[in-house]
Amino acid sequence: SILLLQRLDKVFSVPNQNLSEATRQEFTEITKSFPAQ
């Protein structure tokens, strides 16, 4: 979990509603490396 959250920290500039579609896609893709639940 720590490694995954640190990776998520690097994919966006500022967390807000205006995240680009590419950032959202990368965010979702990274979380696929963890169990589905």
Full PDB file with SEQRES, HELIX, SHEET, SSBOND, CRYST1, ORIGX, SCALE, CONECT and MASTER records, all heavy atoms in Angstrom:
SEQRES   1 A   37  SER ILE LEU LEU LEU GLN ARG LEU ASP LYS VAL PHE SER          
SEQRES   2 A   37  VAL PRO ASN GLN ASN LEU SER GLU ALA THR ARG GLN GLU          
SEQRES   3 A   37  PHE THR GLU ILE THR LYS SER PHE PRO ALA GLN                  
HELIX    1 AA1 ILE A    2  LEU A    8  1                                   7    
HELIX    2 AA2 GLU A   21  THR A   31  1                                  11    
CRYST1    1.000    1.000    1.000  90.00  90.00  90.00 P 1           1          
ORIGX1      1.000000  0.000000  0.000000        0.00000                         
ORIGX2      0.000000  1.000000  0.000000        0.00000                         
ORIGX3      0.000000  0.000000  1.000000        0.00000                         
SCALE1      1.000000  0.000000  0.000000        0.00000                         
SCALE2      0.000000  1.000000  0.000000        0.00000                         
SCALE3      0.000000  0.000000  1.000000        0.00000                         
ATOM      1  N   SER A   1       0.830  -1.206   0.000  1.00  0.00           N  
ATOM      2  CA  SER A   1       0.000   0.000   0.000  1.00  0.00           C  
ATOM      3  C   SER A   1       0.867   1.258   0.000  1.00  0.00           C  
ATOM      4  O   SER A   1       0.581   2.235  -0.711  1.00  0.00           O  
ATOM      5  CB  SER A   1      -0.909  -0.001   1.234  1.00  0.00           C  
ATOM      6  OG  SER A   1      -1.753  -1.122   1.243  1.00  0.00           O  
ATOM      7  N   ILE A   2       1.930   1.232   0.791  1.00  0.00           N  
ATOM      8  CA  ILE A   2       2.821   2.393   0.848  1.00  0.00           C  
ATOM      9  C   ILE A   2       3.446   2.665  -0.523  1.00  0.00           C  
ATOM     10  O   ILE A   2       3.472   3.797  -1.017  1.00  0.00           O  
ATOM     11  CB  ILE A   2       3.912   2.166   1.907  1.00  0.00           C  
ATOM     12  CG1 ILE A   2       3.286   2.203   3.313  1.00  0.00           C  
ATOM     13  CG2 ILE A   2       5.008   3.219   1.795  1.00  0.00           C  
ATOM     14  CD1 ILE A   2       4.236   1.829   4.413  1.00  0.00           C  
ATOM     15  N   LEU A   3       3.935   1.608  -1.163  1.00  0.00           N  
ATOM     16  CA  LEU A   3       4.544   1.775  -2.484  1.00  0.00           C  
ATOM     17  C   LEU A   3       3.524   2.298  -3.497  1.00  0.00           C  
ATOM     18  O   LEU A   3       3.831   3.168  -4.324  1.00  0.00           O  
ATOM     19  CB  LEU A   3       5.125   0.444  -2.967  1.00  0.00           C  
ATOM     20  CG  LEU A   3       6.319  -0.105  -2.177  1.00  0.00           C  
ATOM     21  CD1 LEU A   3       6.712  -1.472  -2.697  1.00  0.00           C  
ATOM     22  CD2 LEU A   3       7.503   0.853  -2.281  1.00  0.00           C  
ATOM     23  N   LEU A   4       2.301   1.769  -3.434  1.00  0.00           N  
ATOM     24  CA  LEU A   4       1.266   2.186  -4.375  1.00  0.00           C  
ATOM     25  C   LEU A   4       0.892   3.652  -4.168  1.00  0.00           C  
ATOM     26  O   LEU A   4       0.780   4.422  -5.136  1.00  0.00           O  
ATOM     27  CB  LEU A   4       0.028   1.301  -4.204  1.00  0.00           C  
ATOM     28  CG  LEU A   4      -1.145   1.580  -5.157  1.00  0.00           C  
ATOM     29  CD1 LEU A   4      -0.718   1.404  -6.595  1.00  0.00           C  
ATOM     30  CD2 LEU A   4      -2.305   0.653  -4.839  1.00  0.00           C  
ATOM     31  N   LEU A   5       0.713   4.074  -2.919  1.00  0.00           N  
ATOM     32  CA  LEU A   5       0.347   5.465  -2.647  1.00  0.00           C  
ATOM     33  C   LEU A   5       1.462   6.429  -3.043  1.00  0.00           C  
ATOM     34  O   LEU A   5       1.206   7.540  -3.523  1.00  0.00           O  
ATOM     35  CB  LEU A   5      -0.006   5.626  -1.166  1.00  0.00           C  
ATOM     36  CG  LEU A   5      -1.328   4.963  -0.734  1.00  0.00           C  
ATOM     37  CD1 LEU A   5      -1.467   4.990   0.773  1.00  0.00           C  
ATOM     38  CD2 LEU A   5      -2.518   5.639  -1.396  1.00  0.00           C  
ATOM     39  N   GLN A   6       2.708   6.014  -2.855  1.00  0.00           N  
ATOM     40  CA  GLN A   6       3.828   6.860  -3.276  1.00  0.00           C  
ATOM     41  C   GLN A   6       3.865   7.005  -4.799  1.00  0.00           C  
ATOM     42  O   GLN A   6       4.205   8.066  -5.318  1.00  0.00           O  
ATOM     43  CB  GLN A   6       5.146   6.270  -2.760  1.00  0.00           C  
ATOM     44  CG  GLN A   6       5.307   6.435  -1.253  1.00  0.00           C  
ATOM     45  CD  GLN A   6       6.536   5.744  -0.719  1.00  0.00           C  
ATOM     46  OE1 GLN A   6       7.042   4.782  -1.314  1.00  0.00           O  
ATOM     47  NE2 GLN A   6       7.042   6.216   0.406  1.00  0.00           N  
ATOM     48  N   ARG A   7       3.488   5.933  -5.502  1.00  0.00           N  
ATOM     49  CA  ARG A   7       3.423   6.025  -6.961  1.00  0.00           C  
ATOM     50  C   ARG A   7       2.287   6.956  -7.391  1.00  0.00           C  
ATOM     51  O   ARG A   7       2.440   7.755  -8.313  1.00  0.00           O  
ATOM     52  CB  ARG A   7       3.213   4.641  -7.560  1.00  0.00           C  
ATOM     53  CG  ARG A   7       4.434   3.732  -7.464  1.00  0.00           C  
ATOM     54  CD  ARG A   7       4.191   2.431  -8.194  1.00  0.00           C  
ATOM     55  NE  ARG A   7       3.985   2.687  -9.611  1.00  0.00           N  
ATOM     56  CZ  ARG A   7       3.481   1.787 -10.451  1.00  0.00           C  
ATOM     57  NH1 ARG A   7       3.123   0.597 -10.009  1.00  0.00           N  
ATOM     58  NH2 ARG A   7       3.320   2.074 -11.723  1.00  0.00           N  
ATOM     59  N   LEU A   8       1.148   6.880  -6.702  1.00  0.00           N  
ATOM     60  CA  LEU A   8       0.023   7.753  -7.030  1.00  0.00           C  
ATOM     61  C   LEU A   8       0.374   9.219  -6.802  1.00  0.00           C  
ATOM     62  O   LEU A   8      -0.111  10.108  -7.514  1.00  0.00           O  
ATOM     63  CB  LEU A   8      -1.200   7.375  -6.197  1.00  0.00           C  
ATOM     64  CG  LEU A   8      -1.834   6.011  -6.482  1.00  0.00           C  
ATOM     65  CD1 LEU A   8      -2.962   5.735  -5.504  1.00  0.00           C  
ATOM     66  CD2 LEU A   8      -2.351   5.948  -7.915  1.00  0.00           C  
ATOM     67  N   ASP A   9       1.225   9.489  -5.822  1.00  0.00           N  
ATOM     68  CA  ASP A   9       1.629  10.856  -5.502  1.00  0.00           C  
ATOM     69  C   ASP A   9       2.338  11.525  -6.685  1.00  0.00           C  
ATOM     70  O   ASP A   9       2.377  12.735  -6.801  1.00  0.00           O  
ATOM     71  CB  ASP A   9       2.545  10.833  -4.277  1.00  0.00           C  
ATOM     72  CG  ASP A   9       2.877  12.224  -3.779  1.00  0.00           C  
ATOM     73  OD1 ASP A   9       2.163  13.173  -4.145  1.00  0.00           O  
ATOM     74  OD2 ASP A   9       3.859  12.368  -3.027  1.00  0.00           O  
ATOM     75  N   LYS A  10       2.889  10.693  -7.582  1.00  0.00           N  
ATOM     76  CA  LYS A  10       3.712  11.237  -8.664  1.00  0.00           C  
ATOM     77  C   LYS A  10       2.943  11.469  -9.968  1.00  0.00           C  
ATOM     78  O   LYS A  10       3.507  11.964 -10.938  1.00  0.00           O  
ATOM     79  CB  LYS A  10       4.884  10.299  -8.935  1.00  0.00           C  
ATOM     80  CG  LYS A  10       5.807  10.134  -7.728  1.00  0.00           C  
ATOM     81  CD  LYS A  10       6.916   9.133  -8.022  1.00  0.00           C  
ATOM     82  CE  LYS A  10       7.821   8.945  -6.807  1.00  0.00           C  
ATOM     83  NZ  LYS A  10       8.889   7.942  -7.066  1.00  0.00           N  
ATOM     84  N   VAL A  11       1.657  11.096 -10.042  1.00  0.00           N  
ATOM     85  CA  VAL A  11       0.979  11.132 -11.329  1.00  0.00           C  
ATOM     86  C   VAL A  11       0.155  12.411 -11.548  1.00  0.00           C  
ATOM     87  O   VAL A  11      -0.419  12.586 -12.611  1.00  0.00           O  
ATOM     88  CB  VAL A  11       0.048   9.905 -11.497  1.00  0.00           C  
ATOM     89  CG1 VAL A  11       0.810   8.639 -11.310  1.00  0.00           C  
ATOM     90  CG2 VAL A  11      -1.133   9.976 -10.539  1.00  0.00           C  
ATOM     91  N   PHE A  12       0.070  13.298 -10.569  1.00  0.00           N  
ATOM     92  CA  PHE A  12      -0.722  14.508 -10.765  1.00  0.00           C  
ATOM     93  C   PHE A  12      -0.034  15.679 -10.083  1.00  0.00           C  
ATOM     94  O   PHE A  12       0.850  15.507  -9.240  1.00  0.00           O  
ATOM     95  CB  PHE A  12      -2.138  14.330 -10.218  1.00  0.00           C  
ATOM     96  CG  PHE A  12      -2.177  13.862  -8.802  1.00  0.00           C  
ATOM     97  CD1 PHE A  12      -2.081  14.751  -7.749  1.00  0.00           C  
ATOM     98  CD2 PHE A  12      -2.286  12.506  -8.526  1.00  0.00           C  
ATOM     99  CE1 PHE A  12      -2.092  14.303  -6.457  1.00  0.00           C  
ATOM    100  CE2 PHE A  12      -2.303  12.052  -7.226  1.00  0.00           C  
ATOM    101  CZ  PHE A  12      -2.200  12.966  -6.191  1.00  0.00           C  
ATOM    102  N   SER A  13      -0.439  16.883 -10.441  1.00  0.00           N  
ATOM    103  CA  SER A  13       0.165  18.089  -9.860  1.00  0.00           C  
ATOM    104  C   SER A  13      -0.568  18.503  -8.584  1.00  0.00           C  
ATOM    105  O   SER A  13      -0.018  18.468  -7.500  1.00  0.00           O  
ATOM    106  CB  SER A  13       0.149  19.233 -10.874  1.00  0.00           C  
ATOM    107  OG  SER A  13      -1.186  19.459 -11.346  1.00  0.00           O  
ATOM    108  N   VAL A  14      -1.860  18.847  -8.722  1.00  0.00           N  
ATOM    109  CA  VAL A  14      -2.663  19.237  -7.556  1.00  0.00           C  
ATOM    110  C   VAL A  14      -3.962  18.447  -7.585  1.00  0.00           C  
ATOM    111  O   VAL A  14      -4.635  18.397  -8.622  1.00  0.00           O  
ATOM    112  CB  VAL A  14      -2.974  20.748  -7.561  1.00  0.00           C  
ATOM    113  CG1 VAL A  14      -3.853  21.106  -6.366  1.00  0.00           C  
ATOM    114  CG2 VAL A  14      -1.687  21.550  -7.544  1.00  0.00           C  
ATOM    115  N   PRO A  15      -4.373  17.788  -6.488  1.00  0.00           N  
ATOM    116  CA  PRO A  15      -5.624  17.020  -6.484  1.00  0.00           C  
ATOM    117  C   PRO A  15      -6.849  17.927  -6.506  1.00  0.00           C  
ATOM    118  O   PRO A  15      -7.119  18.633  -5.543  1.00  0.00           O  
ATOM    119  CB  PRO A  15      -5.532  16.229  -5.171  1.00  0.00           C  
ATOM    120  CG  PRO A  15      -4.623  17.026  -4.305  1.00  0.00           C  
ATOM    121  CD  PRO A  15      -3.639  17.691  -5.219  1.00  0.00           C  
ATOM    122  N   ASN A  16      -7.573  17.935  -7.604  1.00  0.00           N  
ATOM    123  CA  ASN A  16      -8.815  18.705  -7.699  1.00  0.00           C  
ATOM    124  C   ASN A  16      -9.720  18.062  -8.741  1.00  0.00           C  
ATOM    125  O   ASN A  16      -9.374  17.056  -9.352  1.00  0.00           O  
ATOM    126  CB  ASN A  16      -8.541  20.177  -8.034  1.00  0.00           C  
ATOM    127  CG  ASN A  16      -7.680  20.336  -9.286  1.00  0.00           C  
ATOM    128  OD1 ASN A  16      -7.933  19.671 -10.290  1.00  0.00           O  
ATOM    129  ND2 ASN A  16      -6.661  21.175  -9.200  1.00  0.00           N  
ATOM    130  N   GLN A  17     -10.855  18.676  -8.965  1.00  0.00           N  
ATOM    131  CA  GLN A  17     -11.837  18.110  -9.892  1.00  0.00           C  
ATOM    132  C   GLN A  17     -11.392  18.202 -11.350  1.00  0.00           C  
ATOM    133  O   GLN A  17     -11.974  17.581 -12.228  1.00  0.00           O  
ATOM    134  CB  GLN A  17     -13.179  18.849  -9.733  1.00  0.00           C  
ATOM    135  CG  GLN A  17     -13.827  18.657  -8.375  1.00  0.00           C  
ATOM    136  CD  GLN A  17     -14.473  17.297  -8.226  1.00  0.00           C  
ATOM    137  OE1 GLN A  17     -14.426  16.488  -9.135  1.00  0.00           O  
ATOM    138  NE2 GLN A  17     -15.057  17.025  -7.061  1.00  0.00           N  
ATOM    139  N   ASN A  18     -10.362  18.997 -11.625  1.00  0.00           N  
ATOM    140  CA  ASN A  18      -9.954  19.244 -13.001  1.00  0.00           C  
ATOM    141  C   ASN A  18      -8.802  18.354 -13.452  1.00  0.00           C  
ATOM    142  O   ASN A  18      -7.987  18.740 -14.283  1.00  0.00           O  
ATOM    143  CB  ASN A  18      -9.554  20.722 -13.156  1.00  0.00           C  
ATOM    144  CG  ASN A  18     -10.697  21.662 -12.833  1.00  0.00           C  
ATOM    145  OD1 ASN A  18     -11.826  21.386 -13.214  1.00  0.00           O  
ATOM    146  ND2 ASN A  18     -10.406  22.742 -12.133  1.00  0.00           N  
ATOM    147  N   LEU A  19      -8.700  17.167 -12.876  1.00  0.00           N  
ATOM    148  CA  LEU A  19      -7.655  16.228 -13.304  1.00  0.00           C  
ATOM    149  C   LEU A  19      -7.859  15.887 -14.776  1.00  0.00           C  
ATOM    150  O   LEU A  19      -8.986  15.652 -15.223  1.00  0.00           O  
ATOM    151  CB  LEU A  19      -7.698  14.941 -12.473  1.00  0.00           C  
ATOM    152  CG  LEU A  19      -7.363  15.070 -10.987  1.00  0.00           C  
ATOM    153  CD1 LEU A  19      -7.529  13.710 -10.324  1.00  0.00           C  
ATOM    154  CD2 LEU A  19      -5.948  15.567 -10.788  1.00  0.00           C  
ATOM    155  N   SER A  20      -6.756  15.873 -15.541  1.00  0.00           N  
ATOM    156  CA  SER A  20      -6.855  15.532 -16.957  1.00  0.00           C  
ATOM    157  C   SER A  20      -7.242  14.064 -17.114  1.00  0.00           C  
ATOM    158  O   SER A  20      -7.044  13.247 -16.216  1.00  0.00           O  
ATOM    159  CB  SER A  20      -5.517  15.786 -17.647  1.00  0.00           C  
ATOM    160  OG  SER A  20      -4.538  14.882 -17.177  1.00  0.00           O  
ATOM    161  N   GLU A  21      -7.805  13.759 -18.295  1.00  0.00           N  
ATOM    162  CA  GLU A  21      -8.217  12.383 -18.557  1.00  0.00           C  
ATOM    163  C   GLU A  21      -7.013  11.449 -18.530  1.00  0.00           C  
ATOM    164  O   GLU A  21      -7.098  10.315 -18.064  1.00  0.00           O  
ATOM    165  CB  GLU A  21      -8.912  12.310 -19.918  1.00  0.00           C  
ATOM    166  CG  GLU A  21      -9.458  10.925 -20.247  1.00  0.00           C  
ATOM    167  CD  GLU A  21     -10.509  10.474 -19.244  1.00  0.00           C  
ATOM    168  OE1 GLU A  21     -11.181  11.348 -18.636  1.00  0.00           O  
ATOM    169  OE2 GLU A  21     -10.646   9.249 -19.037  1.00  0.00           O  
ATOM    170  N   ALA A  22      -5.871  11.927 -19.033  1.00  0.00           N  
ATOM    171  CA  ALA A  22      -4.651  11.093 -19.017  1.00  0.00           C  
ATOM    172  C   ALA A  22      -4.219  10.779 -17.598  1.00  0.00           C  
ATOM    173  O   ALA A  22      -3.817   9.653 -17.285  1.00  0.00           O  
ATOM    174  CB  ALA A  22      -3.522  11.810 -19.766  1.00  0.00           C  
ATOM    175  N   THR A  23      -4.328  11.783 -16.710  1.00  0.00           N  
ATOM    176  CA  THR A  23      -3.964  11.569 -15.301  1.00  0.00           C  
ATOM    177  C   THR A  23      -4.914  10.578 -14.648  1.00  0.00           C  
ATOM    178  O   THR A  23      -4.502   9.692 -13.896  1.00  0.00           O  
ATOM    179  CB  THR A  23      -4.002  12.897 -14.533  1.00  0.00           C  
ATOM    180  OG1 THR A  23      -3.064  13.793 -15.118  1.00  0.00           O  
ATOM    181  CG2 THR A  23      -3.630  12.677 -13.066  1.00  0.00           C  
ATOM    182  N   ARG A  24      -6.211  10.712 -14.948  1.00  0.00           N  
ATOM    183  CA  ARG A  24      -7.195   9.781 -14.386  1.00  0.00           C  
ATOM    184  C   ARG A  24      -6.928   8.352 -14.865  1.00  0.00           C  
ATOM    185  O   ARG A  24      -7.019   7.390 -14.097  1.00  0.00           O  
ATOM    186  CB  ARG A  24      -8.610  10.218 -14.786  1.00  0.00           C  
ATOM    187  CG  ARG A  24      -9.061  11.508 -14.124  1.00  0.00           C  
ATOM    188  CD  ARG A  24     -10.373  12.019 -14.722  1.00  0.00           C  
ATOM    189  NE  ARG A  24     -10.791  13.257 -14.087  1.00  0.00           N  
ATOM    190  CZ  ARG A  24     -11.657  13.341 -13.090  1.00  0.00           C  
ATOM    191  NH1 ARG A  24     -12.185  12.239 -12.601  1.00  0.00           N  
ATOM    192  NH2 ARG A  24     -11.983  14.505 -12.567  1.00  0.00           N  
ATOM    193  N   GLN A  25      -6.600   8.228 -16.151  1.00  0.00           N  
ATOM    194  CA  GLN A  25      -6.314   6.898 -16.703  1.00  0.00           C  
ATOM    195  C   GLN A  25      -5.079   6.288 -16.031  1.00  0.00           C  
ATOM    196  O   GLN A  25      -5.074   5.105 -15.672  1.00  0.00           O  
ATOM    197  CB  GLN A  25      -6.086   6.995 -18.223  1.00  0.00           C  
ATOM    198  CG  GLN A  25      -7.349   7.272 -19.016  1.00  0.00           C  
ATOM    199  CD  GLN A  25      -8.253   6.057 -19.063  1.00  0.00           C  
ATOM    200  OE1 GLN A  25      -7.861   4.949 -18.743  1.00  0.00           O  
ATOM    201  NE2 GLN A  25      -9.501   6.265 -19.469  1.00  0.00           N  
ATOM    202  N   GLU A  26      -4.033   7.094 -15.853  1.00  0.00           N  
ATOM    203  CA  GLU A  26      -2.809   6.588 -15.224  1.00  0.00           C  
ATOM    204  C   GLU A  26      -3.065   6.225 -13.767  1.00  0.00           C  
ATOM    205  O   GLU A  26      -2.580   5.214 -13.262  1.00  0.00           O  
ATOM    206  CB  GLU A  26      -1.701   7.634 -15.318  1.00  0.00           C  
ATOM    207  CG  GLU A  26      -0.342   7.117 -14.830  1.00  0.00           C  
ATOM    208  CD  GLU A  26       0.779   8.114 -15.071  1.00  0.00           C  
ATOM    209  OE1 GLU A  26       0.514   9.223 -15.595  1.00  0.00           O  
ATOM    210  OE2 GLU A  26       1.924   7.773 -14.739  1.00  0.00           O  
ATOM    211  N   PHE A  27      -3.869   7.059 -13.081  1.00  0.00           N  
ATOM    212  CA  PHE A  27      -4.248   6.787 -11.690  1.00  0.00           C  
ATOM    213  C   PHE A  27      -4.935   5.423 -11.588  1.00  0.00           C  
ATOM    214  O   PHE A  27      -4.597   4.588 -10.742  1.00  0.00           O  
ATOM    215  CB  PHE A  27      -5.181   7.903 -11.215  1.00  0.00           C  
ATOM    216  CG  PHE A  27      -5.550   7.836  -9.757  1.00  0.00           C  
ATOM    217  CD1 PHE A  27      -4.883   8.592  -8.820  1.00  0.00           C  
ATOM    218  CD2 PHE A  27      -6.584   7.015  -9.315  1.00  0.00           C  
ATOM    219  CE1 PHE A  27      -5.237   8.546  -7.479  1.00  0.00           C  
ATOM    220  CE2 PHE A  27      -6.945   6.947  -7.989  1.00  0.00           C  
ATOM    221  CZ  PHE A  27      -6.256   7.732  -7.069  1.00  0.00           C  
ATOM    222  N   THR A  28      -5.904   5.197 -12.473  1.00  0.00           N  
ATOM    223  CA  THR A  28      -6.656   3.939 -12.462  1.00  0.00           C  
ATOM    224  C   THR A  28      -5.764   2.759 -12.813  1.00  0.00           C  
ATOM    225  O   THR A  28      -5.868   1.683 -12.219  1.00  0.00           O  
ATOM    226  CB  THR A  28      -7.829   4.020 -13.460  1.00  0.00           C  
ATOM    227  OG1 THR A  28      -8.653   5.123 -13.110  1.00  0.00           O  
ATOM    228  CG2 THR A  28      -8.651   2.739 -13.417  1.00  0.00           C  
ATOM    229  N   GLU A  29      -4.855   2.959 -13.773  1.00  0.00           N  
ATOM    230  CA  GLU A  29      -3.987   1.863 -14.218  1.00  0.00           C  
ATOM    231  C   GLU A  29      -3.052   1.404 -13.100  1.00  0.00           C  
ATOM    232  O   GLU A  29      -2.812   0.218 -12.911  1.00  0.00           O  
ATOM    233  CB  GLU A  29      -3.171   2.316 -15.439  1.00  0.00           C  
ATOM    234  CG  GLU A  29      -2.434   1.193 -16.155  1.00  0.00           C  
ATOM    235  CD  GLU A  29      -3.394   0.207 -16.797  1.00  0.00           C  
ATOM    236  OE1 GLU A  29      -4.534   0.596 -17.147  1.00  0.00           O  
ATOM    237  OE2 GLU A  29      -3.010  -0.971 -16.939  1.00  0.00           O  
ATOM    238  N   ILE A  30      -2.532   2.373 -12.336  1.00  0.00           N  
ATOM    239  CA  ILE A  30      -1.613   2.031 -11.245  1.00  0.00           C  
ATOM    240  C   ILE A  30      -2.327   1.182 -10.206  1.00  0.00           C  
ATOM    241  O   ILE A  30      -1.766   0.209  -9.678  1.00  0.00           O  
ATOM    242  CB  ILE A  30      -1.042   3.309 -10.605  1.00  0.00           C  
ATOM    243  CG1 ILE A  30      -0.069   3.989 -11.582  1.00  0.00           C  
ATOM    244  CG2 ILE A  30      -0.316   2.986  -9.299  1.00  0.00           C  
ATOM    245  CD1 ILE A  30       0.454   5.318 -11.094  1.00  0.00           C  
ATOM    246  N   THR A  31      -3.580   1.493  -9.890  1.00  0.00           N  
ATOM    247  CA  THR A  31      -4.303   0.758  -8.848  1.00  0.00           C  
ATOM    248  C   THR A  31      -4.620  -0.670  -9.256  1.00  0.00           C  
ATOM    249  O   THR A  31      -4.954  -1.499  -8.415  1.00  0.00           O  
ATOM    250  CB  THR A  31      -5.612   1.478  -8.483  1.00  0.00           C  
ATOM    251  OG1 THR A  31      -6.435   1.572  -9.648  1.00  0.00           O  
ATOM    252  CG2 THR A  31      -5.331   2.865  -7.946  1.00  0.00           C  
ATOM    253  N   LYS A  32      -4.503  -0.985 -10.565  1.00  0.00           N  
ATOM    254  CA  LYS A  32      -4.781  -2.351 -11.008  1.00  0.00           C  
ATOM    255  C   LYS A  32      -3.729  -3.339 -10.526  1.00  0.00           C  
ATOM    256  O   LYS A  32      -3.933  -4.548 -10.588  1.00  0.00           O  
ATOM    257  CB  LYS A  32      -4.870  -2.409 -12.530  1.00  0.00           C  
ATOM    258  CG  LYS A  32      -6.116  -1.736 -13.104  1.00  0.00           C  
ATOM    259  CD  LYS A  32      -6.148  -1.834 -14.613  1.00  0.00           C  
ATOM    260  CE  LYS A  32      -7.392  -1.155 -15.180  1.00  0.00           C  
ATOM    261  NZ  LYS A  32      -7.418  -1.237 -16.674  1.00  0.00           N  
ATOM    262  N   SER A  33      -2.581  -2.847 -10.067  1.00  0.00           N  
ATOM    263  CA  SER A  33      -1.531  -3.745  -9.583  1.00  0.00           C  
ATOM    264  C   SER A  33      -1.850  -4.305  -8.208  1.00  0.00           C  
ATOM    265  O   SER A  33      -1.143  -5.175  -7.718  1.00  0.00           O  
ATOM    266  CB  SER A  33      -0.190  -3.007  -9.522  1.00  0.00           C  
ATOM    267  OG  SER A  33      -0.254  -1.933  -8.593  1.00  0.00           O  
ATOM    268  N   PHE A  34      -2.922  -3.807  -7.565  1.00  0.00           N  
ATOM    269  CA  PHE A  34      -3.296  -4.289  -6.241  1.00  0.00           C  
ATOM    270  C   PHE A  34      -4.507  -5.199  -6.369  1.00  0.00           C  
ATOM    271  O   PHE A  34      -5.134  -5.248  -7.427  1.00  0.00           O  
ATOM    272  CB  PHE A  34      -3.606  -3.092  -5.330  1.00  0.00           C  
ATOM    273  CG  PHE A  34      -2.884  -3.149  -4.013  1.00  0.00           C  
ATOM    274  CD1 PHE A  34      -1.506  -3.221  -3.982  1.00  0.00           C  
ATOM    275  CD2 PHE A  34      -3.576  -3.151  -2.822  1.00  0.00           C  
ATOM    276  CE1 PHE A  34      -0.837  -3.286  -2.779  1.00  0.00           C  
ATOM    277  CE2 PHE A  34      -2.913  -3.209  -1.615  1.00  0.00           C  
ATOM    278  CZ  PHE A  34      -1.528  -3.282  -1.602  1.00  0.00           C  
ATOM    279  N   PRO A  35      -4.855  -5.965  -5.322  1.00  0.00           N  
ATOM    280  CA  PRO A  35      -6.032  -6.838  -5.407  1.00  0.00           C  
ATOM    281  C   PRO A  35      -7.281  -6.078  -5.846  1.00  0.00           C  
ATOM    282  O   PRO A  35      -7.457  -4.897  -5.534  1.00  0.00           O  
ATOM    283  CB  PRO A  35      -6.178  -7.368  -3.966  1.00  0.00           C  
ATOM    284  CG  PRO A  35      -4.788  -7.338  -3.429  1.00  0.00           C  
ATOM    285  CD  PRO A  35      -4.138  -6.134  -4.057  1.00  0.00           C  
ATOM    286  N   ALA A  36      -8.164  -6.786  -6.566  1.00  0.00           N  
ATOM    287  CA  ALA A  36      -9.319  -6.134  -7.184  1.00  0.00           C  
ATOM    288  C   ALA A  36     -10.233  -5.464  -6.157  1.00  0.00           C  
ATOM    289  O   ALA A  36     -10.884  -4.462  -6.459  1.00  0.00           O  
ATOM    290  CB  ALA A  36     -10.100  -7.166  -8.002  1.00  0.00           C  
ATOM    291  N   GLN A  37     -10.303  -5.999  -4.937  1.00  0.00           N  
ATOM    292  CA  GLN A  37     -11.233  -5.438  -3.960  1.00  0.00           C  
ATOM    293  C   GLN A  37     -10.748  -4.103  -3.389  1.00  0.00           C  
ATOM    294  O   GLN A  37     -11.520  -3.347  -2.819  1.00  0.00           O  
ATOM    295  CB  GLN A  37     -11.438  -6.420  -2.798  1.00  0.00           C  
ATOM    296  CG  GLN A  37     -11.888  -7.795  -3.227  1.00  0.00           C  
ATOM    297  CD  GLN A  37     -10.699  -8.729  -3.388  1.00  0.00           C  
ATOM    298  OE1 GLN A  37      -9.622  -8.310  -3.812  1.00  0.00           O  
ATOM    299  NE2 GLN A  37     -10.890  -9.993  -3.057  1.00  0.00           N  
TER     300      GLN A  37                                                      
MASTER        0    0    0    2    0    0    0    6  299    1    0    3          
END                                                                             
